[in-house]
Every structure is written in structure tokens, then in C-alpha cells.
């Protein structure tokens, strides 16, 4: 699995768990919806750690919480 695909799946998992939309995630994270949508639609091939950190802040998670899941426990392709 590619790193970007794993990040997309993780964002989807977290939105599902919190029962929020991607737009709501953008709002609570202080990000533009287009920033998150660009990750989902493949325009952003390498989402920055600052973007992921902002999403974590909005969700009340640490970066460790974000990456501590099965998606990131095996080697990823780039």
C-alpha cells in the first residue's frame, strides 16, 4: 500500500469514528476543505506533517494516535 493511500484510509477511519464529514474535519482543524480534498483526490502526493498535525489537533489526537494503527505497522510503498 502507498503511504498516501494509508493516510487517506486513516483519515476516513477517524472521520467515521467521530461521525464527522471531511468538511467538518477541515473546519475543526483550521484547514481549508480543499487541503483535505486534495489529499483524497490525489493532488497532494505527499501530505505534510503540519497538515496531519492540524487534523490531529482538530480531532483531539496526537500524531502517535494517528499513526498507531494497523495501516502503518507494515512497510509502505512510496
Protein backbone atom coordinates (compact mmCIF):
# COMPACT_ATOMS: atom_id res chain seq x y z
CA UNK A 1 0.00 0.00 0.00
CA UNK A 2 1.21 3.51 -0.73
CA UNK A 3 1.79 5.91 2.12
CA UNK A 4 -0.76 8.39 0.76
CA UNK A 5 -3.39 5.65 0.47
CA UNK A 6 -2.78 4.66 4.09
CA UNK A 7 -3.13 8.29 5.19
CA UNK A 8 -6.41 8.63 3.26
CA UNK A 9 -7.77 5.44 4.83
CA UNK A 10 -6.74 6.61 8.29
CA UNK A 11 -8.46 9.97 7.83
CA UNK A 12 -11.59 8.13 6.66
CA UNK A 13 -11.45 5.81 9.70
CA UNK A 14 -11.13 8.71 12.10
CA UNK A 15 -13.94 10.68 10.45
CA UNK A 16 -16.15 7.58 10.66
CA UNK A 17 -15.25 7.05 14.33
CA UNK A 18 -16.00 10.68 15.18
CA UNK A 19 -19.04 10.68 12.86
CA UNK A 20 -17.90 13.79 11.01
CA UNK A 21 -17.51 14.71 7.36
CA UNK A 22 -14.25 15.70 5.71
CA UNK A 23 -15.56 19.29 5.56
CA UNK A 24 -16.21 19.23 9.30
CA UNK A 25 -12.71 17.86 9.84
CA UNK A 26 -11.31 20.78 7.86
CA UNK A 27 -13.33 23.26 9.91
CA UNK A 28 -12.30 21.90 13.32
CA UNK A 29 -8.69 21.61 12.15
CA UNK A 30 -8.44 25.16 10.84
CA UNK A 31 -7.70 23.88 7.34
CA UNK A 32 -9.29 24.69 4.03
CA UNK A 33 -11.57 21.87 2.82
CA UNK A 34 -9.59 21.95 -0.44
CA UNK A 35 -6.46 20.95 1.51
CA UNK A 36 -8.01 17.71 2.69
CA UNK A 37 -9.80 17.11 -0.60
CA UNK A 38 -6.50 17.46 -2.45
CA UNK A 39 -5.17 14.56 -0.36
CA UNK A 40 -8.25 12.45 -1.13
CA UNK A 41 -8.21 13.18 -4.85
CA UNK A 42 -4.51 12.57 -5.33
CA UNK A 43 -3.46 16.17 -5.99
CA UNK A 44 -1.35 16.11 -2.85
CA UNK A 45 1.03 13.18 -3.24
CA UNK A 46 2.87 13.88 -0.01
CA UNK A 47 0.68 15.36 2.72
CA UNK A 48 2.85 17.36 5.09
CA UNK A 49 3.25 16.58 8.75
CA UNK A 50 1.90 20.05 9.60
CA UNK A 51 -1.35 19.22 7.80
CA UNK A 52 -1.64 15.86 9.56
CA UNK A 53 -0.79 17.54 12.87
CA UNK A 54 -3.55 20.14 12.34
CA UNK A 55 -6.05 17.34 11.65
CA UNK A 56 -4.91 15.55 14.81
CA UNK A 57 -5.36 18.74 16.83
CA UNK A 58 -8.88 19.12 15.46
CA UNK A 59 -9.67 15.52 16.35
CA UNK A 60 -8.07 15.72 19.79
CA UNK A 61 -5.39 13.18 18.87
CA UNK A 62 -1.63 13.04 18.98
CA UNK A 63 0.47 12.20 15.96
CA UNK A 64 1.23 8.92 17.70
CA UNK A 65 -2.52 8.18 17.86
CA UNK A 66 -2.85 8.94 14.16
CA UNK A 67 -0.08 6.58 13.10
CA UNK A 68 -0.70 3.90 15.74
CA UNK A 69 -2.92 1.64 13.66
CA UNK A 70 -2.57 -1.47 11.52
CA UNK A 71 -2.23 0.59 8.32
CA UNK A 72 1.20 1.81 9.38
CA UNK A 73 2.54 -1.37 11.04
CA UNK A 74 3.95 -2.88 7.86
CA UNK A 75 6.25 -1.37 5.25
CA UNK A 76 4.58 1.07 2.86
CA UNK A 77 5.41 1.78 -0.77
CA UNK A 78 6.12 5.31 -1.92
